[in-house]
C-alpha cells in the first residue's frame, strides 16, 4: 500500500493530539509525519507510533513535499497557511471555520456527501462539531423521508473551547466546593455548576455564530437551501461530549420504529434507546469513542410529521479529528487526492 507524507498543523492542541492518536489507531498509511505548531510550541516532544517527534514551527516552507495537511490551529492560521500548503501540493483538510461557507470549497461529512470531496482544489473544510453529529443522525432519515425543518438545542462540552476551558472548569468546581470566589477568564460567566446559552459571538440577528453555523452548514452539506433550521447552542459543565435535543419535521409522517430501523443500519451510528431501563446516550460514555449515539426517539405530540430525538458524540473525535481523517481515507480509497486544483 502506498504511504503518504502528512503534516499536522496545531499538533499540540486537543484536536491536533487527537489527529495523532486516530492516525495511529486506524493504521493510516503514513510515510512520514511533521508535527507543526506556533513558535511557542516549537521544540516540544510528541509521540507517533511510539516514536518521539519534535514539534516544528509552522512556516510557508513546512508543506513542501507533503501529501496531506490536517489543520486545527484556528481560522486565522488556516486562512494564511492553507492556500500556501495547497500551492505546495498538499491537500488541506481544515477543522476551522475559515473556509466552510466558501462555495468553491467542499464541506464534507463522509457518511453524507463523500462525492463532494472530488470537487476540491487543494482545500477541504471540516464542518462544525455540533453540525456533524446532528447530520450523521438525520441524513439517513432524510433520504427516506425528506426533512423540512430542524429545531435543535445543543448541550456542548467545554472541550469545544480547548484545554484552557477544561482547566477552568476543573479550577472553578474546586473553588466553589471549597467556598472560594470564582473569577471567569475563558467564558463571560462561571461555567462550573452553570449553563451558558452563548457559544461564540452574538450576531446582528440575535443568534450566536455557533448557532448560525448549524443553519448554514446543514444546508450546504445536505445540498438543500429549503431546509429550515433553528438552533440554540448552550455550553454546559461537561468535559468531553456534545449532546443535542433535536426536533425534526419530515415531509410525511414517520414512526419512531421506522426511524429506529433506518438508524440501526446507518453508518457511524449506534442506537441506544430503551427508556424503560433508562438507556439512552450520555456524554460521559460517548467520550473516547467514534460513533454518533441516538436515543429517546419519540413522536412529537405537537406535530404529526415530526420526531424528537437525543444525539450525543465525542466532539473532539467525530466532531473534529476523526471526521477529518475519514475524509483523508476516502480521498485515498477513491484516488481523489490530486483531483481539482
C-alpha atoms as a PDB file:
ATOM      1  CA  UNK A   1       0.000   0.000   0.000  1.00  0.00           C
ATOM      2  CA  UNK A   2       1.226   3.496  -0.827  1.00  0.00           C
ATOM      3  CA  UNK A   3       2.088   5.664   2.170  1.00  0.00           C
ATOM      4  CA  UNK A   4       1.703   9.434   2.467  1.00  0.00           C
ATOM      5  CA  UNK A   5       3.569  12.395   3.899  1.00  0.00           C
ATOM      6  CA  UNK A   6       1.329  14.039   6.477  1.00  0.00           C
ATOM      7  CA  UNK A   7       1.580  17.368   8.278  1.00  0.00           C
ATOM      8  CA  UNK A   8      -0.498  18.254  11.345  1.00  0.00           C
ATOM      9  CA  UNK A   9      -0.881  21.979  11.999  1.00  0.00           C
ATOM     10  CA  UNK A  10      -1.826  22.704  15.600  1.00  0.00           C
ATOM     11  CA  UNK A  11      -0.333  19.407  16.710  1.00  0.00           C
ATOM     12  CA  UNK A  12      -0.053  20.387  20.378  1.00  0.00           C
ATOM     13  CA  UNK A  13      -3.735  21.304  20.753  1.00  0.00           C
ATOM     14  CA  UNK A  14      -6.544  18.963  21.779  1.00  0.00           C
ATOM     15  CA  UNK A  15      -7.667  18.194  18.242  1.00  0.00           C
ATOM     16  CA  UNK A  16      -4.093  18.039  16.976  1.00  0.00           C
ATOM     17  CA  UNK A  17      -3.204  15.394  19.542  1.00  0.00           C
ATOM     18  CA  UNK A  18      -6.376  13.520  18.649  1.00  0.00           C
ATOM     19  CA  UNK A  19      -5.270  13.573  14.986  1.00  0.00           C
ATOM     20  CA  UNK A  20      -2.089  11.779  16.050  1.00  0.00           C
ATOM     21  CA  UNK A  21      -3.994   9.209  18.105  1.00  0.00           C
ATOM     22  CA  UNK A  22      -6.550   8.475  15.378  1.00  0.00           C
ATOM     23  CA  UNK A  23      -3.920   8.111  12.646  1.00  0.00           C
ATOM     24  CA  UNK A  24      -2.252   5.518  14.867  1.00  0.00           C
ATOM     25  CA  UNK A  25      -5.453   3.710  15.799  1.00  0.00           C
ATOM     26  CA  UNK A  26      -6.702   3.467  12.216  1.00  0.00           C
ATOM     27  CA  UNK A  27      -3.322   2.432  10.780  1.00  0.00           C
ATOM     28  CA  UNK A  28      -3.399   5.341   8.371  1.00  0.00           C
ATOM     29  CA  UNK A  29      -0.721   4.842   5.677  1.00  0.00           C
ATOM     30  CA  UNK A  30       1.835   7.368   6.925  1.00  0.00           C
ATOM     31  CA  UNK A  31       5.235   7.517   5.256  1.00  0.00           C
ATOM     32  CA  UNK A  32       6.326  10.486   7.352  1.00  0.00           C
ATOM     33  CA  UNK A  33       4.645  12.917   9.727  1.00  0.00           C
ATOM     34  CA  UNK A  34       5.529  16.519  10.553  1.00  0.00           C
ATOM     35  CA  UNK A  35       4.051  17.986  13.726  1.00  0.00           C
ATOM     36  CA  UNK A  36       3.633  21.749  13.366  1.00  0.00           C
ATOM     37  CA  UNK A  37       2.526  24.468  15.764  1.00  0.00           C
ATOM     38  CA  UNK A  38       3.313  28.049  16.774  1.00  0.00           C
ATOM     39  CA  UNK A  39       6.814  29.237  17.619  1.00  0.00           C
ATOM     40  CA  UNK A  40       5.850  28.966  21.325  1.00  0.00           C
ATOM     41  CA  UNK A  41       5.363  25.212  20.965  1.00  0.00           C
ATOM     42  CA  UNK A  42       8.338  24.522  18.717  1.00  0.00           C
ATOM     43  CA  UNK A  43      10.722  22.074  20.305  1.00  0.00           C
ATOM     44  CA  UNK A  44       8.111  20.197  22.320  1.00  0.00           C
ATOM     45  CA  UNK A  45       8.209  16.431  22.003  1.00  0.00           C
ATOM     46  CA  UNK A  46       5.221  14.306  20.983  1.00  0.00           C
ATOM     47  CA  UNK A  47       4.958  10.660  20.015  1.00  0.00           C
ATOM     48  CA  UNK A  48       3.651   8.950  16.899  1.00  0.00           C
ATOM     49  CA  UNK A  49       3.658   5.152  16.807  1.00  0.00           C
ATOM     50  CA  UNK A  50       5.973   5.096  19.842  1.00  0.00           C
ATOM     51  CA  UNK A  51       8.498   7.338  18.090  1.00  0.00           C
ATOM     52  CA  UNK A  52       9.442  10.693  19.594  1.00  0.00           C
ATOM     53  CA  UNK A  53       8.973  13.591  17.192  1.00  0.00           C
ATOM     54  CA  UNK A  54       9.921  17.220  17.765  1.00  0.00           C
ATOM     55  CA  UNK A  55       7.290  19.865  17.086  1.00  0.00           C
ATOM     56  CA  UNK A  56       8.335  22.427  14.466  1.00  0.00           C
ATOM     57  CA  UNK A  57       7.211  25.994  13.945  1.00  0.00           C
ATOM     58  CA  UNK A  58       4.729  26.346  11.072  1.00  0.00           C
ATOM     59  CA  UNK A  59       6.270  28.280   8.184  1.00  0.00           C
ATOM     60  CA  UNK A  60       5.480  28.625   4.462  1.00  0.00           C
ATOM     61  CA  UNK A  61       8.203  26.055   3.781  1.00  0.00           C
ATOM     62  CA  UNK A  62       6.618  23.461   6.087  1.00  0.00           C
ATOM     63  CA  UNK A  63       4.431  21.958   3.366  1.00  0.00           C
ATOM     64  CA  UNK A  64       6.929  21.243   0.612  1.00  0.00           C
ATOM     65  CA  UNK A  65       6.645  17.589  -0.366  1.00  0.00           C
ATOM     66  CA  UNK A  66       3.587  16.970   1.817  1.00  0.00           C
ATOM     67  CA  UNK A  67       0.603  14.984   0.523  1.00  0.00           C
ATOM     68  CA  UNK A  68      -1.956  15.777   3.240  1.00  0.00           C
ATOM     69  CA  UNK A  69      -2.108  18.605   5.791  1.00  0.00           C
ATOM     70  CA  UNK A  70      -4.533  18.323   8.714  1.00  0.00           C
ATOM     71  CA  UNK A  71      -5.223  21.769  10.196  1.00  0.00           C
ATOM     72  CA  UNK A  72      -6.621  22.603  13.634  1.00  0.00           C
ATOM     73  CA  UNK A  73      -4.946  25.831  14.679  1.00  0.00           C
ATOM     74  CA  UNK A  74      -7.706  28.421  14.327  1.00  0.00           C
ATOM     75  CA  UNK A  75      -9.238  30.314  11.424  1.00  0.00           C
ATOM     76  CA  UNK A  76      -6.544  32.974  11.086  1.00  0.00           C
ATOM     77  CA  UNK A  77      -3.753  30.392  10.808  1.00  0.00           C
ATOM     78  CA  UNK A  78      -5.836  28.399   8.318  1.00  0.00           C
ATOM     79  CA  UNK A  79      -6.569  31.418   6.150  1.00  0.00           C
ATOM     80  CA  UNK A  80      -2.872  32.221   5.902  1.00  0.00           C
ATOM     81  CA  UNK A  81      -1.249  28.804   5.633  1.00  0.00           C
ATOM     82  CA  UNK A  82      -3.884  26.646   3.898  1.00  0.00           C
ATOM     83  CA  UNK A  83      -3.516  28.274   0.455  1.00  0.00           C
ATOM     84  CA  UNK A  84       0.276  28.038   0.824  1.00  0.00           C
ATOM     85  CA  UNK A  85       0.024  24.342   1.691  1.00  0.00           C
ATOM     86  CA  UNK A  86      -2.298  23.712  -1.265  1.00  0.00           C
ATOM     87  CA  UNK A  87       0.034  25.571  -3.633  1.00  0.00           C
ATOM     88  CA  UNK A  88       2.854  23.372  -2.339  1.00  0.00           C
ATOM     89  CA  UNK A  89       0.942  20.286  -3.471  1.00  0.00           C
ATOM     90  CA  UNK A  90      -0.688  19.144  -0.222  1.00  0.00           C
ATOM     91  CA  UNK A  91      -4.424  18.632   0.207  1.00  0.00           C
ATOM     92  CA  UNK A  92      -5.556  20.580   3.270  1.00  0.00           C
ATOM     93  CA  UNK A  93      -8.342  19.285   5.495  1.00  0.00           C
ATOM     94  CA  UNK A  94      -9.168  22.227   7.709  1.00  0.00           C
ATOM     95  CA  UNK A  95     -11.001  21.990  11.007  1.00  0.00           C
ATOM     96  CA  UNK A  96     -11.560  25.737  11.446  1.00  0.00           C
ATOM     97  CA  UNK A  97     -14.464  27.863  10.241  1.00  0.00           C
ATOM     98  CA  UNK A  98     -12.249  29.686   7.736  1.00  0.00           C
ATOM     99  CA  UNK A  99     -13.494  28.025   4.543  1.00  0.00           C
ATOM    100  CA  UNK A 100     -16.712  26.234   5.483  1.00  0.00           C
ATOM    101  CA  UNK A 101     -19.070  28.552   3.652  1.00  0.00           C
ATOM    102  CA  UNK A 102     -16.803  29.243   0.680  1.00  0.00           C
ATOM    103  CA  UNK A 103     -18.837  27.959  -2.284  1.00  0.00           C
ATOM    104  CA  UNK A 104     -15.667  26.731  -4.018  1.00  0.00           C
ATOM    105  CA  UNK A 105     -14.538  24.591  -1.059  1.00  0.00           C
ATOM    106  CA  UNK A 106     -16.222  21.285  -0.193  1.00  0.00           C
ATOM    107  CA  UNK A 107     -17.687  20.949   3.312  1.00  0.00           C
ATOM    108  CA  UNK A 108     -17.738  17.226   3.956  1.00  0.00           C
ATOM    109  CA  UNK A 109     -19.168  14.583   6.260  1.00  0.00           C
ATOM    110  CA  UNK A 110     -18.134  11.308   4.587  1.00  0.00           C
ATOM    111  CA  UNK A 111     -21.317   9.474   5.602  1.00  0.00           C
ATOM    112  CA  UNK A 112     -23.375  12.126   3.773  1.00  0.00           C
ATOM    113  CA  UNK A 113     -21.667  13.914   0.882  1.00  0.00           C
ATOM    114  CA  UNK A 114     -18.488  11.989   0.159  1.00  0.00           C
ATOM    115  CA  UNK A 115     -18.764  12.802  -3.569  1.00  0.00           C
ATOM    116  CA  UNK A 116     -18.121  16.472  -2.779  1.00  0.00           C
ATOM    117  CA  UNK A 117     -14.511  15.589  -1.913  1.00  0.00           C
ATOM    118  CA  UNK A 118     -13.588  15.268  -5.572  1.00  0.00           C
ATOM    119  CA  UNK A 119     -14.519  18.923  -6.164  1.00  0.00           C
ATOM    120  CA  UNK A 120     -11.597  20.057  -4.025  1.00  0.00           C
ATOM    121  CA  UNK A 121      -8.950  22.429  -5.332  1.00  0.00           C
ATOM    122  CA  UNK A 122      -6.492  21.645  -2.567  1.00  0.00           C
ATOM    123  CA  UNK A 123      -8.626  22.568   0.456  1.00  0.00           C
ATOM    124  CA  UNK A 124     -11.496  20.669   2.098  1.00  0.00           C
ATOM    125  CA  UNK A 125     -13.397  22.041   5.087  1.00  0.00           C
ATOM    126  CA  UNK A 126     -14.381  20.011   8.138  1.00  0.00           C
ATOM    127  CA  UNK A 127     -17.825  21.041   9.479  1.00  0.00           C
ATOM    128  CA  UNK A 128     -18.588  22.331  12.947  1.00  0.00           C
ATOM    129  CA  UNK A 129     -18.715  19.619  15.621  1.00  0.00           C
ATOM    130  CA  UNK A 130     -22.375  20.151  16.518  1.00  0.00           C
ATOM    131  CA  UNK A 131     -23.396  20.069  12.848  1.00  0.00           C
ATOM    132  CA  UNK A 132     -21.503  16.837  12.178  1.00  0.00           C
ATOM    133  CA  UNK A 133     -23.175  14.720  14.839  1.00  0.00           C
ATOM    134  CA  UNK A 134     -26.638  16.077  14.104  1.00  0.00           C
ATOM    135  CA  UNK A 135     -26.442  15.408  10.375  1.00  0.00           C
ATOM    136  CA  UNK A 136     -24.855  11.959  10.701  1.00  0.00           C
ATOM    137  CA  UNK A 137     -28.020  11.018  12.616  1.00  0.00           C
ATOM    138  CA  UNK A 138     -30.535  12.888  10.466  1.00  0.00           C
ATOM    139  CA  UNK A 139     -29.275  12.198   6.942  1.00  0.00           C
ATOM    140  CA  UNK A 140     -30.353   8.512   6.775  1.00  0.00           C
ATOM    141  CA  UNK A 141     -33.850   9.604   7.797  1.00  0.00           C
ATOM    142  CA  UNK A 142     -33.783  12.460   5.277  1.00  0.00           C
ATOM    143  CA  UNK A 143     -33.037  10.000   2.464  1.00  0.00           C
ATOM    144  CA  UNK A 144     -36.148   8.024   3.368  1.00  0.00           C
ATOM    145  CA  UNK A 145     -38.405  10.991   4.099  1.00  0.00           C
ATOM    146  CA  UNK A 146     -37.151  14.487   3.175  1.00  0.00           C
ATOM    147  CA  UNK A 147     -36.662  16.856   6.102  1.00  0.00           C
ATOM    148  CA  UNK A 148     -38.472  20.187   6.045  1.00  0.00           C
ATOM    149  CA  UNK A 149     -37.457  21.704   9.386  1.00  0.00           C
ATOM    150  CA  UNK A 150     -34.967  21.134  12.216  1.00  0.00           C
ATOM    151  CA  UNK A 151     -35.102  22.686  15.678  1.00  0.00           C
ATOM    152  CA  UNK A 152     -32.049  21.830  17.767  1.00  0.00           C
ATOM    153  CA  UNK A 153     -30.835  22.714  21.240  1.00  0.00           C
ATOM    154  CA  UNK A 154     -27.242  21.739  21.945  1.00  0.00           C
ATOM    155  CA  UNK A 155     -25.518  20.994  25.235  1.00  0.00           C
ATOM    156  CA  UNK A 156     -21.850  21.442  24.351  1.00  0.00           C
ATOM    157  CA  UNK A 157     -18.866  20.444  26.462  1.00  0.00           C
ATOM    158  CA  UNK A 158     -16.064  22.814  27.392  1.00  0.00           C
ATOM    159  CA  UNK A 159     -13.541  20.836  25.334  1.00  0.00           C
ATOM    160  CA  UNK A 160     -15.025  22.590  22.326  1.00  0.00           C
ATOM    161  CA  UNK A 161     -13.195  25.693  23.560  1.00  0.00           C
ATOM    162  CA  UNK A 162      -9.928  23.871  24.242  1.00  0.00           C
ATOM    163  CA  UNK A 163      -7.701  22.768  27.082  1.00  0.00           C
ATOM    164  CA  UNK A 164      -7.864  26.138  28.855  1.00  0.00           C
ATOM    165  CA  UNK A 165     -11.626  25.718  29.246  1.00  0.00           C
ATOM    166  CA  UNK A 166     -11.199  22.228  30.676  1.00  0.00           C
ATOM    167  CA  UNK A 167      -8.705  23.633  33.168  1.00  0.00           C
ATOM    168  CA  UNK A 168     -11.076  26.469  34.058  1.00  0.00           C
ATOM    169  CA  UNK A 169     -13.991  24.114  34.702  1.00  0.00           C
ATOM    170  CA  UNK A 170     -11.783  21.974  36.951  1.00  0.00           C
ATOM    171  CA  UNK A 171     -10.474  25.009  38.851  1.00  0.00           C
ATOM    172  CA  UNK A 172     -13.896  26.612  39.264  1.00  0.00           C
ATOM    173  CA  UNK A 173     -15.509  23.416  40.517  1.00  0.00           C
ATOM    174  CA  UNK A 174     -12.765  23.042  43.127  1.00  0.00           C
ATOM    175  CA  UNK A 175     -13.060  26.698  44.169  1.00  0.00           C
ATOM    176  CA  UNK A 176     -16.824  26.564  44.542  1.00  0.00           C
ATOM    177  CA  UNK A 177     -16.727  23.346  46.568  1.00  0.00           C
ATOM    178  CA  UNK A 178     -14.134  24.978  48.820  1.00  0.00           C
ATOM    179  CA  UNK A 179     -16.263  28.088  49.268  1.00  0.00           C
ATOM    180  CA  UNK A 180     -13.937  30.320  47.277  1.00  0.00           C
ATOM    181  CA  UNK A 181     -14.804  33.115  44.862  1.00  0.00           C
ATOM    182  CA  UNK A 182     -14.778  32.285  41.155  1.00  0.00           C
ATOM    183  CA  UNK A 183     -13.424  34.730  38.577  1.00  0.00           C
ATOM    184  CA  UNK A 184     -14.120  33.563  34.997  1.00  0.00           C
ATOM    185  CA  UNK A 185     -11.483  34.008  32.307  1.00  0.00           C
ATOM    186  CA  UNK A 186     -12.362  31.738  29.368  1.00  0.00           C
ATOM    187  CA  UNK A 187     -16.126  32.329  29.404  1.00  0.00           C
ATOM    188  CA  UNK A 188     -18.061  35.523  30.236  1.00  0.00           C
ATOM    189  CA  UNK A 189     -19.569  33.850  33.303  1.00  0.00           C
ATOM    190  CA  UNK A 190     -18.890  30.962  35.663  1.00  0.00           C
ATOM    191  CA  UNK A 191     -19.177  27.619  33.853  1.00  0.00           C
ATOM    192  CA  UNK A 192     -18.920  25.251  36.825  1.00  0.00           C
ATOM    193  CA  UNK A 193     -22.403  24.235  38.042  1.00  0.00           C
ATOM    194  CA  UNK A 194     -23.883  26.534  35.392  1.00  0.00           C
ATOM    195  CA  UNK A 195     -25.030  26.588  31.748  1.00  0.00           C
ATOM    196  CA  UNK A 196     -24.331  29.402  29.301  1.00  0.00           C
ATOM    197  CA  UNK A 197     -26.580  29.994  26.260  1.00  0.00           C
ATOM    198  CA  UNK A 198     -23.710  31.724  24.461  1.00  0.00           C
ATOM    199  CA  UNK A 199     -21.214  29.962  22.190  1.00  0.00           C
ATOM    200  CA  UNK A 200     -19.086  32.219  20.002  1.00  0.00           C
ATOM    201  CA  UNK A 201     -20.164  35.822  19.399  1.00  0.00           C
ATOM    202  CA  UNK A 202     -23.679  37.199  19.014  1.00  0.00           C
ATOM    203  CA  UNK A 203     -24.696  38.256  15.507  1.00  0.00           C
ATOM    204  CA  UNK A 204     -26.998  41.079  14.448  1.00  0.00           C
ATOM    205  CA  UNK A 205     -29.907  38.637  14.167  1.00  0.00           C
ATOM    206  CA  UNK A 206     -29.543  37.731  17.898  1.00  0.00           C
ATOM    207  CA  UNK A 207     -28.285  34.214  17.089  1.00  0.00           C
ATOM    208  CA  UNK A 208     -24.754  33.295  18.068  1.00  0.00           C
ATOM    209  CA  UNK A 209     -22.185  32.474  15.409  1.00  0.00           C
ATOM    210  CA  UNK A 210     -22.236  28.832  16.566  1.00  0.00           C
ATOM    211  CA  UNK A 211     -25.997  28.674  16.063  1.00  0.00           C
ATOM    212  CA  UNK A 212     -25.766  30.235  12.622  1.00  0.00           C
ATOM    213  CA  UNK A 213     -23.055  27.771  11.605  1.00  0.00           C
ATOM    214  CA  UNK A 214     -25.555  24.963  12.162  1.00  0.00           C
ATOM    215  CA  UNK A 215     -28.085  26.703   9.918  1.00  0.00           C
ATOM    216  CA  UNK A 216     -25.739  27.409   7.005  1.00  0.00           C
ATOM    217  CA  UNK A 217     -23.638  24.251   7.193  1.00  0.00           C
ATOM    218  CA  UNK A 218     -26.702  21.994   7.275  1.00  0.00           C
ATOM    219  CA  UNK A 219     -27.983  23.471   4.020  1.00  0.00           C
ATOM    220  CA  UNK A 220     -24.596  23.275   2.302  1.00  0.00           C
ATOM    221  CA  UNK A 221     -23.850  19.677   3.327  1.00  0.00           C
ATOM    222  CA  UNK A 222     -27.361  18.448   2.537  1.00  0.00           C
ATOM    223  CA  UNK A 223     -27.460  20.398  -0.762  1.00  0.00           C
ATOM    224  CA  UNK A 224     -30.849  21.815   0.215  1.00  0.00           C
ATOM    225  CA  UNK A 225     -31.367  25.527   0.857  1.00  0.00           C
ATOM    226  CA  UNK A 226     -35.023  24.925   1.671  1.00  0.00           C
ATOM    227  CA  UNK A 227     -34.400  23.067   4.947  1.00  0.00           C
ATOM    228  CA  UNK A 228     -35.456  25.385   7.785  1.00  0.00           C
ATOM    229  CA  UNK A 229     -33.094  25.247  10.771  1.00  0.00           C
ATOM    230  CA  UNK A 230     -33.213  26.972  14.146  1.00  0.00           C
ATOM    231  CA  UNK A 231     -30.543  26.324  16.773  1.00  0.00           C
ATOM    232  CA  UNK A 232     -29.900  27.277  20.378  1.00  0.00           C
ATOM    233  CA  UNK A 233     -26.349  26.380  21.453  1.00  0.00           C
ATOM    234  CA  UNK A 234     -25.551  26.057  25.141  1.00  0.00           C
ATOM    235  CA  UNK A 235     -22.234  25.486  26.919  1.00  0.00           C
ATOM    236  CA  UNK A 236     -22.528  23.011  29.795  1.00  0.00           C
ATOM    237  CA  UNK A 237     -20.091  21.904  32.532  1.00  0.00           C
ATOM    238  CA  UNK A 238     -19.114  18.647  30.816  1.00  0.00           C
ATOM    239  CA  UNK A 239     -15.505  17.918  29.850  1.00  0.00           C
ATOM    240  CA  UNK A 240     -15.968  15.975  26.585  1.00  0.00           C
ATOM    241  CA  UNK A 241     -19.051  15.109  24.540  1.00  0.00           C
ATOM    242  CA  UNK A 242     -21.753  17.241  22.945  1.00  0.00           C
ATOM    243  CA  UNK A 243     -25.441  16.390  23.382  1.00  0.00           C
ATOM    244  CA  UNK A 244     -28.349  17.626  21.277  1.00  0.00           C
ATOM    245  CA  UNK A 245     -32.119  17.634  21.627  1.00  0.00           C
ATOM    246  CA  UNK A 246     -33.421  17.599  18.058  1.00  0.00           C
ATOM    247  CA  UNK A 247     -36.948  18.109  16.764  1.00  0.00           C
ATOM    248  CA  UNK A 248     -37.180  17.213  13.079  1.00  0.00           C
ATOM    249  CA  UNK A 249     -40.169  17.725  10.775  1.00  0.00           C
ATOM    250  CA  UNK A 250     -40.418  15.427   7.754  1.00  0.00           C
ATOM    251  CA  UNK A 251     -42.405  15.745   4.549  1.00  0.00           C
ATOM    252  CA  UNK A 252     -44.541  12.777   5.607  1.00  0.00           C
ATOM    253  CA  UNK A 253     -45.215  11.086   8.958  1.00  0.00           C
ATOM    254  CA  UNK A 254     -42.504   8.741  10.256  1.00  0.00           C
ATOM    255  CA  UNK A 255     -42.940   6.450  13.232  1.00  0.00           C
ATOM    256  CA  UNK A 256     -40.238   6.071  15.893  1.00  0.00           C
ATOM    257  CA  UNK A 257     -39.959   2.381  14.989  1.00  0.00           C
ATOM    258  CA  UNK A 258     -39.316   3.213  11.335  1.00  0.00           C
ATOM    259  CA  UNK A 259     -36.655   5.724  12.347  1.00  0.00           C
ATOM    260  CA  UNK A 260     -35.001   3.116  14.564  1.00  0.00           C
ATOM    261  CA  UNK A 261     -34.987   0.540  11.748  1.00  0.00           C
ATOM    262  CA  UNK A 262     -33.236   3.038   9.470  1.00  0.00           C
ATOM    263  CA  UNK A 263     -30.727   4.264  12.034  1.00  0.00           C
ATOM    264  CA  UNK A 264     -29.678   0.835  13.277  1.00  0.00           C
ATOM    265  CA  UNK A 265     -28.364   0.099   9.765  1.00  0.00           C
ATOM    266  CA  UNK A 266     -26.812   3.520   9.125  1.00  0.00           C
ATOM    267  CA  UNK A 267     -23.010   4.003   9.086  1.00  0.00           C
ATOM    268  CA  UNK A 268     -21.396   5.671  12.075  1.00  0.00           C
ATOM    269  CA  UNK A 269     -24.471   5.437  14.294  1.00  0.00           C
ATOM    270  CA  UNK A 270     -25.165   3.464  17.451  1.00  0.00           C
ATOM    271  CA  UNK A 271     -28.762   3.287  18.623  1.00  0.00           C
ATOM    272  CA  UNK A 272     -29.226   3.355  22.405  1.00  0.00           C
ATOM    273  CA  UNK A 273     -32.937   3.672  23.023  1.00  0.00           C
ATOM    274  CA  UNK A 274     -34.744   1.855  25.836  1.00  0.00           C
ATOM    275  CA  UNK A 275     -36.265   4.380  28.256  1.00  0.00           C
ATOM    276  CA  UNK A 276     -37.841   1.564  30.316  1.00  0.00           C
ATOM    277  CA  UNK A 277     -34.396   0.849  31.764  1.00  0.00           C
ATOM    278  CA  UNK A 278     -33.080   4.445  31.483  1.00  0.00           C
ATOM    279  CA  UNK A 279     -30.985   3.505  28.460  1.00  0.00           C
ATOM    280  CA  UNK A 280     -30.106   6.497  26.276  1.00  0.00           C
ATOM    281  CA  UNK A 281     -26.944   8.228  25.020  1.00  0.00           C
ATOM    282  CA  UNK A 282     -24.799  10.031  27.581  1.00  0.00           C
ATOM    283  CA  UNK A 283     -21.843  12.333  27.067  1.00  0.00           C
ATOM    284  CA  UNK A 284     -19.540  10.592  29.533  1.00  0.00           C
ATOM    285  CA  UNK A 285     -19.896   7.219  27.829  1.00  0.00           C
ATOM    286  CA  UNK A 286     -19.520   8.715  24.338  1.00  0.00           C
ATOM    287  CA  UNK A 287     -16.149  10.273  25.238  1.00  0.00           C
ATOM    288  CA  UNK A 288     -13.278   8.493  23.539  1.00  0.00           C
ATOM    289  CA  UNK A 289     -15.484   6.684  21.016  1.00  0.00           C
ATOM    290  CA  UNK A 290     -16.168   7.204  17.309  1.00  0.00           C
ATOM    291  CA  UNK A 291     -19.908   6.655  16.940  1.00  0.00           C
ATOM    292  CA  UNK A 292     -22.785   9.110  16.937  1.00  0.00           C
ATOM    293  CA  UNK A 293     -25.278   7.860  19.529  1.00  0.00           C
ATOM    294  CA  UNK A 294     -29.033   8.296  19.083  1.00  0.00           C
ATOM    295  CA  UNK A 295     -31.835   7.620  21.541  1.00  0.00           C
ATOM    296  CA  UNK A 296     -35.076   8.840  23.087  1.00  0.00           C
ATOM    297  CA  UNK A 297     -36.713   8.730  19.645  1.00  0.00           C
ATOM    298  CA  UNK A 298     -40.365   9.635  20.011  1.00  0.00           C
ATOM    299  CA  UNK A 299     -43.254  11.186  18.140  1.00  0.00           C
ATOM    300  CA  UNK A 300     -43.630  14.924  18.511  1.00  0.00           C
ATOM    301  CA  UNK A 301     -47.102  15.203  20.017  1.00  0.00           C
ATOM    302  CA  UNK A 302     -47.363  18.777  18.712  1.00  0.00           C
ATOM    303  CA  UNK A 303     -46.863  17.856  15.033  1.00  0.00           C
ATOM    304  CA  UNK A 304     -47.862  14.681  13.212  1.00  0.00           C
ATOM    305  CA  UNK A 305     -44.891  14.744  10.796  1.00  0.00           C
ATOM    306  CA  UNK A 306     -42.219  15.301  13.442  1.00  0.00           C
ATOM    307  CA  UNK A 307     -39.935  13.213  15.624  1.00  0.00           C
ATOM    308  CA  UNK A 308     -37.875  14.189  18.656  1.00  0.00           C
ATOM    309  CA  UNK A 309     -34.546  12.555  19.472  1.00  0.00           C
ATOM    310  CA  UNK A 310     -31.397  12.853  21.589  1.00  0.00           C
ATOM    311  CA  UNK A 311     -27.998  12.776  19.819  1.00  0.00           C
ATOM    312  CA  UNK A 312     -24.600  12.507  21.529  1.00  0.00           C
ATOM    313  CA  UNK A 313     -20.999  12.251  20.261  1.00  0.00           C
ATOM    314  CA  UNK A 314     -17.408  12.924  21.236  1.00  0.00           C
ATOM    315  CA  UNK A 315     -16.892  16.398  19.814  1.00  0.00           C
ATOM    316  CA  UNK A 316     -13.105  16.052  19.634  1.00  0.00           C
ATOM    317  CA  UNK A 317     -13.244  12.762  17.701  1.00  0.00           C
ATOM    318  CA  UNK A 318     -16.220  12.527  15.320  1.00  0.00           C
ATOM    319  CA  UNK A 319     -16.869  16.227  15.773  1.00  0.00           C
ATOM    320  CA  UNK A 320     -13.371  17.142  14.606  1.00  0.00           C
ATOM    321  CA  UNK A 321     -10.319  14.892  14.220  1.00  0.00           C
ATOM    322  CA  UNK A 322     -11.998  11.637  13.189  1.00  0.00           C
ATOM    323  CA  UNK A 323     -14.168  13.269  10.531  1.00  0.00           C
ATOM    324  CA  UNK A 324     -11.075  14.894   9.003  1.00  0.00           C
ATOM    325  CA  UNK A 325      -9.140  11.622   8.955  1.00  0.00           C
ATOM    326  CA  UNK A 326     -12.147   9.864   7.400  1.00  0.00           C
ATOM    327  CA  UNK A 327     -12.111  12.485   4.628  1.00  0.00           C
ATOM    328  CA  UNK A 328      -8.431  11.710   4.005  1.00  0.00           C
ATOM    329  CA  UNK A 329      -9.155   7.974   3.976  1.00  0.00           C
ATOM    330  CA  UNK A 330     -11.925   8.421   1.397  1.00  0.00           C
ATOM    331  CA  UNK A 331      -9.646  10.553  -0.784  1.00  0.00           C
ATOM    332  CA  UNK A 332      -7.043   7.825  -0.802  1.00  0.00           C
ATOM    333  CA  UNK A 333      -9.515   4.990  -1.321  1.00  0.00           C
ATOM    334  CA  UNK A 334     -11.165   6.738  -4.279  1.00  0.00           C
ATOM    335  CA  UNK A 335      -7.933   8.172  -5.726  1.00  0.00           C
ATOM    336  CA  UNK A 336      -9.176  11.742  -5.338  1.00  0.00           C
ATOM    337  CA  UNK A 337      -6.063  13.176  -3.704  1.00  0.00           C
ATOM    338  CA  UNK A 338      -4.951  15.119  -6.767  1.00  0.00           C
ATOM    339  CA  UNK A 339      -8.339  15.905  -8.336  1.00  0.00           C
ATOM    340  CA  UNK A 340      -9.206  19.551  -8.965  1.00  0.00           C
ATOM    341  CA  UNK A 341      -6.511  22.098  -8.262  1.00  0.00           C
END
